[in-house]
Amino acid sequence: MGMFGLFEPNIAKMMRERDVDGLIRLLSCKDVDLGKKAAEALASLLIMKTSKPGTLNEVKEMLGRDAARFFSFSQEGDRVYVKRKDWGKSMPREVFISISQRAKDLGGNYDHGVFEIPLYKPPLAPTPAREHGKPIYLEKKEKAAEELGKFGDDLALEPLVEYANSSPLTAIRAISNIRSARANEALRMMLLKEYRSHLPGYVEAEASRSTWRCDPEMKSVYVLEEALIDHGDYEGCKEIIRVYYRLIEDKKYDAESVSYSWSRPSRDLIYRAIKSIIEKHEVRGDKELLMIILKSLGAFPADFSGLWYEHYFAWEIQDGSINGDLYGLSFVNILGKKLQLDLIKPAGWRGFLPITLEGFKEYLLSLDLEILGDEEVLNHMVTLITEYPNTLENNPIAAALQRVELDKKIPFLKKYLQTCEDEPAKDLHILKKKVGRGEYGRNVQSYLEQVIKSLRYWLSFWEDDNTKRKN
């Protein structure tokens, strides 16, 4: 006999009466089996298709946001007509099938490219129809979803994923509270779907990630990313890192369409995701992650093609584009790579601190020697060694390279040094011609001299060390 004795709650009756509040109370009871039965009942109520819409807006909510994206809605009398917005815009077959099934569940039919859905006329009895501006059944469903997430059991996953079609933010937040491997997998799948649906076009239109908090289409992306980063989900964070790194790379050399300041929120997100999985997972053998970290910091191949300053400097357009005006330099900043490394800040910096210098060093030192000795890795790492002090203690790149055999790392250092020594005159000539101001040329010369000096120091350091060991 359970804790309720002879008066154990009748779950089936509570379901028939849609007693959401009563079922929610049972989730926290001491009888584990009863709690699970209540959760199963809530999950069933969450996706039950018996509710009938009474207004055009309720039809929209119940068909889901995919319908709002591809269809327009109009009302004539007690009927709502749902028509395709743009026949030229491709709609995935599975999306159409899902919308069709939902329309059928609402008593609708499909004829000549139009869904016709009848509106429900409630009885004349004065029954409360709304709560907080929403129909009661929708309010109850949202509450059920939230509590199922807090209950934290995988049995709620499938209903919550389905519920995401009509109320994505509520469902996503509920799933993120479950914090299981299966829940993280569901969040990853939802994020991939959101990326495919929204991200490319949105990035073309908006430069600031901060606007996503208000944009209804992108808010789901934001909440999904935050959940996966918070959970330290390895595959989810890797996908976030890949997506935003590709966005940065796609715009890297297009100075007139995107500024360095635009890429800063994306870099910040990349490093938060990196920090999360570095802290919670073994990443010693993950070369892909290492290469993204190095390139996001501004690394480029030591055997690069083209001009040195184009790889070393970032362009920041402060107020649109220069519109062909070579002297409109009040709109343009040219930033050295030392500033591009500002996501790894020294202690005491006021802003957000994704990865500390010490944390970055620990990560590099934990990598498998096979990864550090990889030719592609070395070819990029040597272009970052000059961005840190000339001491092993304070230079994370040098500390990591210290573990690599001399005959593997020296050729890449020499290759980068030779390029820097051979091409400055050509770089400066073209740069002055492009921006029309001599001071920028002098800045390039100053950065270049620092890079050359640092490279010579490390070459001498390791060659001298090697000589001492032989003697």
Protein backbone atom coordinates (compact mmCIF):
# COMPACT_ATOMS: atom_id res chain seq x y z
CA MET A 1 0.00 0.00 0.00
CA GLY A 2 1.45 3.40 -1.00
CA MET A 3 1.89 6.50 1.08
CA PHE A 4 -1.68 7.58 0.20
CA GLY A 5 -3.15 4.35 1.65
CA LEU A 6 -6.64 3.56 0.40
CA PHE A 7 -6.97 7.02 -1.14
CA GLU A 8 -4.17 6.82 -3.69
CA PRO A 9 -4.79 9.41 -6.44
CA ASN A 10 -6.56 8.20 -9.56
CA ILE A 11 -4.11 9.15 -12.32
CA ALA A 12 -6.48 8.10 -15.10
CA LYS A 13 -9.26 10.30 -13.73
CA MET A 14 -6.87 13.25 -13.34
CA MET A 15 -5.90 12.83 -17.00
CA ARG A 16 -9.52 12.79 -18.15
CA GLU A 17 -10.21 15.94 -16.18
CA ARG A 18 -6.99 17.60 -17.42
CA ASP A 19 -5.96 18.16 -13.79
CA VAL A 20 -2.50 19.50 -14.64
CA ASP A 21 -2.00 21.18 -11.25
CA GLY A 22 -2.83 17.96 -9.40
CA LEU A 23 -0.46 15.89 -11.53
CA ILE A 24 2.30 18.46 -11.01
CA ARG A 25 1.88 18.17 -7.23
CA LEU A 26 2.34 14.40 -7.51
CA LEU A 27 5.73 14.84 -9.20
CA SER A 28 7.30 15.77 -5.85
CA CYS A 29 5.65 13.07 -3.75
CA LYS A 30 7.84 10.53 -1.92
CA ASP A 31 6.33 7.60 -3.82
CA VAL A 32 8.73 7.37 -6.78
CA ASP A 33 6.48 5.10 -8.85
CA LEU A 34 3.51 7.42 -8.40
CA GLY A 35 5.68 10.39 -9.38
CA LYS A 36 6.68 8.62 -12.59
CA LYS A 37 3.07 7.77 -13.40
CA ALA A 38 2.15 11.44 -12.92
CA ALA A 39 5.04 12.46 -15.21
CA GLU A 40 3.86 10.03 -17.88
CA ALA A 41 0.34 11.43 -17.62
CA LEU A 42 1.62 15.01 -17.96
CA ALA A 43 3.71 13.98 -20.96
CA SER A 44 0.63 12.51 -22.60
CA LEU A 45 -1.41 15.65 -21.91
CA LEU A 46 1.39 17.77 -23.34
CA ILE A 47 1.06 16.30 -26.84
CA MET A 48 -2.66 15.48 -26.75
CA LYS A 49 -4.37 16.75 -29.90
CA THR A 50 -7.89 17.25 -28.56
CA SER A 51 -7.78 21.01 -27.96
CA LYS A 52 -9.72 23.06 -30.52
CA PRO A 53 -8.77 26.56 -31.64
CA GLY A 54 -11.23 29.40 -31.15
CA THR A 55 -9.30 32.20 -32.91
CA LEU A 56 -6.92 32.70 -35.83
CA ASN A 57 -3.99 33.22 -33.43
CA GLU A 58 -4.75 29.93 -31.68
CA VAL A 59 -4.66 28.17 -35.08
CA LYS A 60 -1.19 29.68 -35.62
CA GLU A 61 0.03 28.50 -32.23
CA MET A 62 -1.33 24.99 -32.69
CA LEU A 63 0.03 24.52 -36.22
CA GLY A 64 3.48 25.59 -35.00
CA ARG A 65 6.03 28.15 -36.12
CA ASP A 66 7.01 26.24 -39.26
CA ALA A 67 3.49 26.93 -40.51
CA ALA A 68 3.89 30.64 -39.72
CA ARG A 69 7.14 30.67 -41.69
CA PHE A 70 5.77 29.10 -44.87
CA PHE A 71 2.06 30.00 -44.77
CA SER A 72 -0.16 33.06 -44.45
CA PHE A 73 -3.37 33.03 -42.36
CA SER A 74 -6.72 34.67 -43.01
CA GLN A 75 -10.15 34.33 -41.42
CA GLU A 76 -13.60 34.34 -43.00
CA GLY A 77 -16.43 33.85 -40.54
CA ASP A 78 -15.76 30.75 -38.45
CA ARG A 79 -13.06 29.40 -40.81
CA VAL A 80 -9.33 30.02 -41.00
CA TYR A 81 -7.59 29.64 -44.37
CA VAL A 82 -3.91 28.77 -44.47
CA LYS A 83 -2.14 29.40 -47.80
CA ARG A 84 1.48 29.16 -48.97
CA LYS A 85 3.31 32.49 -48.80
CA ASP A 86 5.81 31.83 -51.55
CA TRP A 87 5.60 28.79 -53.82
CA GLY A 88 9.12 29.52 -54.99
CA LYS A 89 10.54 29.01 -51.48
CA SER A 90 11.48 25.40 -50.82
CA MET A 91 9.70 23.70 -47.90
CA PRO A 92 11.05 20.38 -46.54
CA ARG A 93 8.66 17.49 -47.15
CA GLU A 94 8.69 16.44 -43.49
CA VAL A 95 7.63 19.97 -42.47
CA PHE A 96 4.62 19.87 -44.82
CA ILE A 97 3.62 16.41 -43.56
CA SER A 98 3.81 17.61 -39.93
CA ILE A 99 1.68 20.71 -40.66
CA SER A 100 -0.83 18.61 -42.59
CA GLN A 101 -1.22 16.19 -39.68
CA ARG A 102 -1.72 19.04 -37.20
CA ALA A 103 -4.34 20.64 -39.47
CA LYS A 104 -6.14 17.30 -39.72
CA ASP A 105 -6.07 16.96 -35.91
CA LEU A 106 -7.81 20.34 -35.71
CA GLY A 107 -10.59 19.14 -38.02
CA GLY A 108 -9.19 20.86 -41.09
CA ASN A 109 -8.90 19.72 -44.68
CA TYR A 110 -6.54 20.50 -47.57
CA ASP A 111 -7.85 21.46 -51.00
CA HIS A 112 -6.13 23.18 -53.97
CA GLY A 113 -3.13 24.25 -51.90
CA VAL A 114 -5.15 25.70 -49.00
CA PHE A 115 -5.82 24.35 -45.49
CA GLU A 116 -9.32 25.14 -44.24
CA ILE A 117 -9.66 24.90 -40.44
CA PRO A 118 -12.92 25.38 -38.52
CA LEU A 119 -12.93 27.53 -35.39
CA TYR A 120 -14.40 26.12 -32.20
CA LYS A 121 -17.46 27.86 -30.78
CA PRO A 122 -17.52 27.41 -26.99
CA PRO A 123 -20.84 26.77 -25.21
CA LEU A 124 -22.78 29.76 -23.94
CA ALA A 125 -22.09 28.82 -20.31
CA PRO A 126 -19.72 31.41 -18.73
CA THR A 127 -16.63 29.20 -18.45
CA PRO A 128 -13.22 30.93 -18.12
CA ALA A 129 -11.49 30.75 -21.50
CA ARG A 130 -8.21 32.53 -20.88
CA GLU A 131 -5.48 32.93 -18.32
CA HIS A 132 -2.72 35.60 -18.58
CA GLY A 133 -3.84 36.40 -22.12
CA LYS A 134 -3.54 32.77 -23.33
CA PRO A 135 -6.12 30.02 -23.67
CA ILE A 136 -6.17 27.96 -20.47
CA TYR A 137 -5.13 24.75 -22.23
CA LEU A 138 -2.04 26.45 -23.68
CA GLU A 139 -1.14 27.97 -20.30
CA LYS A 140 -1.50 24.55 -18.67
CA LYS A 141 0.63 22.88 -21.33
CA GLU A 142 3.45 25.35 -20.79
CA LYS A 143 3.29 24.76 -17.06
CA ALA A 144 3.30 20.98 -17.60
CA ALA A 145 6.36 21.27 -19.87
CA GLU A 146 8.26 23.36 -17.32
CA GLU A 147 7.55 20.94 -14.49
CA LEU A 148 8.46 17.88 -16.57
CA GLY A 149 11.85 19.47 -17.19
CA LYS A 150 12.34 20.04 -13.46
CA PHE A 151 11.30 16.41 -12.81
CA GLY A 152 14.40 15.52 -14.80
CA ASP A 153 13.47 12.15 -16.30
CA ASP A 154 14.16 11.01 -19.87
CA LEU A 155 10.58 9.74 -20.22
CA ALA A 156 9.57 13.37 -20.88
CA LEU A 157 12.04 13.85 -23.75
CA GLU A 158 9.97 12.67 -26.69
CA PRO A 159 6.83 14.64 -25.72
CA LEU A 160 8.91 17.76 -25.04
CA VAL A 161 10.67 17.49 -28.42
CA GLU A 162 7.29 17.23 -30.12
CA TYR A 163 5.95 20.11 -28.03
CA ALA A 164 8.85 22.23 -29.31
CA ASN A 165 7.04 22.53 -32.65
CA SER A 166 4.37 24.72 -31.04
CA SER A 167 6.22 26.25 -28.07
CA PRO A 168 9.97 25.96 -28.76
CA LEU A 169 11.40 28.13 -25.97
CA THR A 170 9.36 26.47 -23.23
CA ALA A 171 10.30 23.00 -24.52
CA ILE A 172 14.00 23.83 -24.94
CA ARG A 173 14.28 25.22 -21.42
CA ALA A 174 12.49 22.18 -20.03
CA ILE A 175 14.77 19.74 -21.90
CA SER A 176 17.87 21.63 -20.75
CA ASN A 177 16.80 21.07 -17.13
CA ILE A 178 16.87 17.29 -17.58
CA ARG A 179 20.69 17.27 -17.97
CA SER A 180 21.08 13.71 -19.25
CA ALA A 181 23.06 12.38 -22.21
CA ARG A 182 19.81 11.79 -24.13
CA ALA A 183 18.58 15.29 -23.32
CA ASN A 184 21.83 16.80 -24.60
CA GLU A 185 21.51 14.73 -27.77
CA ALA A 186 17.99 16.10 -28.27
CA LEU A 187 19.25 19.67 -27.73
CA ARG A 188 22.04 19.10 -30.29
CA MET A 189 19.57 17.86 -32.90
CA MET A 190 17.33 20.86 -32.26
CA LEU A 191 20.28 23.25 -32.56
CA LEU A 192 21.36 21.72 -35.89
CA LYS A 193 17.81 22.17 -37.17
CA GLU A 194 17.82 25.81 -36.03
CA TYR A 195 21.18 26.46 -37.68
CA ARG A 196 19.95 25.02 -40.98
CA SER A 197 16.72 27.01 -40.81
CA HIS A 198 17.81 30.42 -39.61
CA LEU A 199 21.47 31.14 -39.13
CA PRO A 200 22.86 31.80 -42.66
CA GLY A 201 20.26 34.39 -43.66
CA TYR A 202 20.22 36.00 -40.25
CA VAL A 203 23.96 36.58 -40.21
CA GLU A 204 23.70 38.49 -43.48
CA ALA A 205 21.11 40.82 -41.95
CA GLU A 206 22.38 41.33 -38.41
CA ALA A 207 25.85 41.94 -37.06
CA SER A 208 25.26 41.98 -33.33
CA ARG A 209 24.60 38.79 -31.37
CA SER A 210 23.01 40.88 -28.61
CA THR A 211 19.91 41.43 -30.78
CA TRP A 212 19.19 37.70 -30.66
CA ARG A 213 17.74 37.99 -27.18
CA CYS A 214 14.83 39.93 -28.68
CA ASP A 215 14.51 38.29 -32.10
CA PRO A 216 11.82 35.58 -31.84
CA GLU A 217 13.38 33.48 -34.60
CA MET A 218 16.89 33.51 -33.13
CA LYS A 219 16.06 33.32 -29.44
CA SER A 220 15.74 29.53 -29.66
CA VAL A 221 19.26 29.35 -31.10
CA TYR A 222 20.57 31.49 -28.26
CA VAL A 223 18.87 29.39 -25.56
CA LEU A 224 20.06 26.11 -27.13
CA GLU A 225 23.65 27.33 -27.35
CA GLU A 226 23.63 28.54 -23.77
CA ALA A 227 22.24 25.20 -22.53
CA LEU A 228 24.83 23.09 -24.37
CA ILE A 229 27.70 25.32 -23.24
CA ASP A 230 26.41 25.26 -19.66
CA HIS A 231 26.21 21.44 -19.77
CA GLY A 232 29.69 21.17 -21.31
CA ASP A 233 28.26 18.89 -24.00
CA TYR A 234 31.26 17.93 -26.12
CA GLU A 235 29.59 17.39 -29.51
CA GLY A 236 27.21 20.31 -29.02
CA CYS A 237 30.02 22.72 -28.16
CA LYS A 238 32.10 21.45 -31.07
CA GLU A 239 29.23 22.21 -33.46
CA ILE A 240 28.88 25.73 -32.03
CA ILE A 241 32.62 26.26 -32.44
CA ARG A 242 32.58 24.97 -36.04
CA VAL A 243 29.60 27.11 -37.08
CA TYR A 244 30.91 30.40 -35.70
CA TYR A 245 34.44 29.78 -36.82
CA ARG A 246 33.14 29.24 -40.37
CA LEU A 247 31.23 32.52 -40.13
CA ILE A 248 34.40 34.35 -39.11
CA GLU A 249 36.44 32.66 -41.84
CA ASP A 250 33.85 33.45 -44.52
CA LYS A 251 34.09 37.16 -43.67
CA LYS A 252 37.78 37.30 -42.73
CA TYR A 253 39.10 39.14 -45.77
CA ASP A 254 35.92 40.99 -46.69
CA ALA A 255 36.74 44.25 -44.92
CA GLU A 256 33.99 46.30 -46.56
CA SER A 257 31.12 43.96 -45.61
CA VAL A 258 32.03 43.02 -42.06
CA SER A 259 34.23 44.50 -39.39
CA TYR A 260 36.50 42.92 -36.83
CA SER A 261 34.19 44.29 -34.15
CA TRP A 262 31.36 42.20 -35.65
CA SER A 263 33.38 39.01 -35.23
CA ARG A 264 34.11 39.72 -31.57
CA PRO A 265 30.77 38.32 -30.23
CA SER A 266 31.31 35.21 -32.37
CA ARG A 267 34.85 34.77 -31.03
CA ASP A 268 33.57 35.25 -27.50
CA LEU A 269 31.03 32.46 -28.03
CA ILE A 270 33.70 30.20 -29.53
CA TYR A 271 35.95 30.63 -26.50
CA ARG A 272 33.16 30.09 -24.00
CA ALA A 273 32.33 26.81 -25.74
CA ILE A 274 36.02 25.86 -25.85
CA LYS A 275 36.46 26.65 -22.15
CA SER A 276 33.43 24.54 -21.27
CA ILE A 277 34.65 21.37 -22.97
CA ILE A 278 38.30 21.85 -22.01
CA GLU A 279 37.22 21.91 -18.35
CA LYS A 280 34.93 18.86 -18.60
CA HIS A 281 36.45 16.56 -21.22
CA GLU A 282 39.72 14.99 -22.31
CA VAL A 283 40.72 16.89 -25.44
CA ARG A 284 44.38 15.90 -25.64
CA GLY A 285 44.05 14.29 -29.05
CA ASP A 286 41.56 16.65 -30.69
CA LYS A 287 43.50 18.26 -33.53
CA GLU A 288 40.44 19.91 -35.08
CA LEU A 289 39.73 21.79 -31.84
CA LEU A 290 43.37 22.89 -31.53
CA MET A 291 43.45 24.21 -35.09
CA ILE A 292 40.26 26.21 -34.55
CA ILE A 293 41.68 27.69 -31.35
CA LEU A 294 44.92 28.68 -33.07
CA LYS A 295 43.20 30.18 -36.10
CA SER A 296 40.66 32.03 -33.95
CA LEU A 297 43.58 33.60 -32.13
CA GLY A 298 44.91 34.84 -35.45
CA ALA A 299 47.35 32.09 -36.43
CA PHE A 300 48.07 31.65 -40.13
CA PRO A 301 50.40 29.33 -42.07
CA ALA A 302 54.10 30.13 -41.85
CA ASP A 303 54.28 29.29 -45.57
CA PHE A 304 51.39 31.66 -46.40
CA SER A 305 50.83 33.14 -49.83
CA GLY A 306 50.25 36.84 -50.45
CA LEU A 307 51.33 39.69 -48.20
CA TRP A 308 52.32 39.37 -44.55
CA TYR A 309 50.26 42.33 -43.27
CA GLU A 310 47.06 40.92 -44.81
CA HIS A 311 47.42 37.87 -42.57
CA TYR A 312 48.72 39.66 -39.49
CA PHE A 313 46.31 42.61 -39.33
CA ALA A 314 42.54 42.82 -38.89
CA TRP A 315 40.47 45.57 -40.48
CA GLU A 316 37.76 47.26 -38.41
CA ILE A 317 35.15 49.35 -40.21
CA GLN A 318 33.71 51.68 -37.60
CA ASP A 319 31.01 53.38 -39.65
CA GLY A 320 30.00 51.44 -42.75
CA SER A 321 32.42 51.20 -45.62
CA ILE A 322 34.95 53.69 -46.93
CA ASN A 323 33.01 53.79 -50.23
CA GLY A 324 36.14 54.02 -52.31
CA ASP A 325 37.39 57.09 -50.46
CA LEU A 326 41.03 56.29 -49.84
CA TYR A 327 41.26 59.13 -47.32
CA GLY A 328 38.18 58.24 -45.28
CA LEU A 329 40.33 56.81 -42.53
CA SER A 330 38.14 58.09 -39.74
CA PHE A 331 36.05 55.01 -40.54
CA VAL A 332 38.84 52.46 -40.57
CA ASN A 333 41.14 50.96 -37.96
CA ILE A 334 43.90 48.49 -38.75
CA LEU A 335 44.52 46.30 -35.74
CA GLY A 336 47.65 44.29 -35.04
CA LYS A 337 47.31 40.65 -34.08
CA LYS A 338 48.29 41.39 -30.50
CA LEU A 339 44.91 43.11 -30.18
CA GLN A 340 43.23 40.22 -31.96
CA LEU A 341 44.36 37.99 -29.09
CA ASP A 342 42.37 39.98 -26.55
CA LEU A 343 40.04 37.08 -25.78
CA ILE A 344 42.79 35.69 -23.58
CA LYS A 345 43.11 38.54 -21.12
CA PRO A 346 45.53 39.02 -18.23
CA ALA A 347 44.17 38.94 -14.69
CA GLY A 348 42.56 42.21 -13.66
CA TRP A 349 40.82 42.91 -16.96
CA ARG A 350 37.27 44.13 -16.31
CA GLY A 351 35.55 42.33 -19.17
CA PHE A 352 34.45 38.72 -19.61
CA LEU A 353 37.31 36.27 -19.20
CA PRO A 354 36.68 33.18 -21.35
CA ILE A 355 40.13 31.59 -21.03
CA THR A 356 43.00 32.83 -18.91
CA LEU A 357 46.56 32.83 -20.17
CA GLU A 358 47.39 30.16 -17.59
CA GLY A 359 44.39 28.07 -18.67
CA PHE A 360 45.48 28.30 -22.30
CA LYS A 361 48.99 27.22 -21.35
CA GLU A 362 47.69 24.25 -19.32
CA TYR A 363 45.56 23.16 -22.27
CA LEU A 364 48.51 23.28 -24.70
CA LEU A 365 50.77 21.40 -22.29
CA SER A 366 48.15 18.66 -21.86
CA LEU A 367 48.00 17.90 -25.60
CA ASP A 368 49.39 14.65 -26.96
CA LEU A 369 52.91 15.09 -28.29
CA GLU A 370 51.78 13.57 -31.59
CA ILE A 371 49.30 16.47 -32.02
CA LEU A 372 51.87 19.14 -31.10
CA GLY A 373 54.37 17.65 -33.55
CA ASP A 374 51.90 17.59 -36.44
CA GLU A 375 53.19 19.62 -39.41
CA GLU A 376 49.97 21.59 -39.92
CA VAL A 377 49.85 22.46 -36.22
CA LEU A 378 53.49 23.59 -36.15
CA ASN A 379 53.02 25.59 -39.34
CA HIS A 380 50.40 27.69 -37.54
CA MET A 381 51.75 27.73 -33.98
CA VAL A 382 54.99 29.44 -34.92
CA THR A 383 53.07 32.51 -36.13
CA LEU A 384 51.67 32.97 -32.61
CA ILE A 385 54.89 32.56 -30.63
CA THR A 386 55.79 36.20 -31.21
CA GLU A 387 52.59 37.43 -29.55
CA TYR A 388 53.74 36.51 -26.04
CA PRO A 389 56.78 37.44 -23.92
CA ASN A 390 60.18 35.88 -24.66
CA THR A 391 60.12 33.60 -21.62
CA LEU A 392 58.96 30.00 -21.35
CA GLU A 393 57.00 30.82 -18.21
CA ASN A 394 54.84 33.51 -19.83
CA ASN A 395 54.67 32.24 -23.40
CA PRO A 396 52.16 29.36 -23.74
CA ILE A 397 53.13 28.68 -27.36
CA ALA A 398 56.84 28.43 -26.56
CA ALA A 399 56.13 26.27 -23.49
CA ALA A 400 54.21 23.82 -25.68
CA LEU A 401 56.85 23.86 -28.46
CA GLN A 402 59.51 23.14 -25.86
CA ARG A 403 58.19 19.56 -25.86
CA VAL A 404 58.62 19.19 -29.64
CA GLU A 405 61.84 17.87 -31.16
CA LEU A 406 64.19 20.52 -32.50
CA ASP A 407 64.34 19.19 -36.06
CA LYS A 408 60.54 19.38 -36.29
CA LYS A 409 59.92 22.93 -35.06
CA ILE A 410 63.03 24.80 -36.27
CA PRO A 411 62.20 24.56 -40.03
CA PHE A 412 58.83 26.27 -39.48
CA LEU A 413 60.35 29.04 -37.36
CA LYS A 414 62.99 29.66 -40.03
CA LYS A 415 60.40 29.64 -42.78
CA TYR A 416 58.28 32.29 -41.03
CA LEU A 417 61.37 34.39 -40.17
CA GLN A 418 62.60 34.32 -43.76
CA THR A 419 59.23 35.51 -45.08
CA CYS A 420 59.13 38.35 -42.56
CA GLU A 421 62.66 39.45 -43.47
CA ASP A 422 62.18 39.23 -47.24
CA GLU A 423 58.87 41.02 -47.86
CA PRO A 424 58.52 44.12 -45.69
CA ALA A 425 59.36 46.60 -48.43
CA LYS A 426 56.69 45.22 -50.76
CA ASP A 427 54.16 45.07 -47.90
CA LEU A 428 54.73 48.69 -46.88
CA HIS A 429 54.57 49.99 -50.44
CA ILE A 430 51.22 48.33 -51.15
CA LEU A 431 49.78 49.24 -47.74
CA LYS A 432 50.63 52.93 -48.15
CA LYS A 433 49.11 52.93 -51.61
CA LYS A 434 45.92 51.26 -50.31
CA VAL A 435 45.17 53.43 -47.30
CA GLY A 436 46.95 56.60 -48.34
CA ARG A 437 48.50 57.38 -44.96
CA GLY A 438 52.11 56.90 -43.96
CA GLU A 439 51.47 56.34 -40.24
CA TYR A 440 49.85 53.00 -40.95
CA GLY A 441 52.92 51.94 -42.84
CA ARG A 442 55.04 52.89 -39.84
CA ASN A 443 52.79 50.83 -37.57
CA VAL A 444 53.25 47.82 -39.81
CA GLN A 445 57.01 48.32 -39.76
CA SER A 446 56.97 48.47 -35.95
CA TYR A 447 54.94 45.25 -35.64
CA LEU A 448 57.14 43.52 -38.19
CA GLU A 449 60.33 44.45 -36.34
CA GLN A 450 58.90 43.03 -33.10
CA VAL A 451 57.94 39.78 -34.84
CA ILE A 452 61.38 39.37 -36.41
CA LYS A 453 63.14 40.13 -33.12
CA SER A 454 61.04 37.56 -31.26
CA LEU A 455 61.57 34.85 -33.92
CA ARG A 456 65.33 35.37 -33.82
CA TYR A 457 65.25 35.10 -30.03
CA TRP A 458 63.46 31.73 -30.03
CA LEU A 459 65.61 30.31 -32.80
CA SER A 460 68.71 31.27 -30.86
CA PHE A 461 67.21 29.96 -27.61
CA TRP A 462 66.53 26.48 -28.95
CA GLU A 463 69.66 26.20 -31.05
CA ASP A 464 71.84 27.25 -28.11
CA ASP A 465 70.00 24.83 -25.85
CA ASN A 466 70.59 22.05 -28.35
CA THR A 467 74.31 22.89 -28.54
CA LYS A 468 74.62 22.77 -24.74
CA ARG A 469 72.99 19.36 -24.63
CA LYS A 470 75.37 17.98 -27.25
CA ASN A 471 78.37 19.27 -25.35
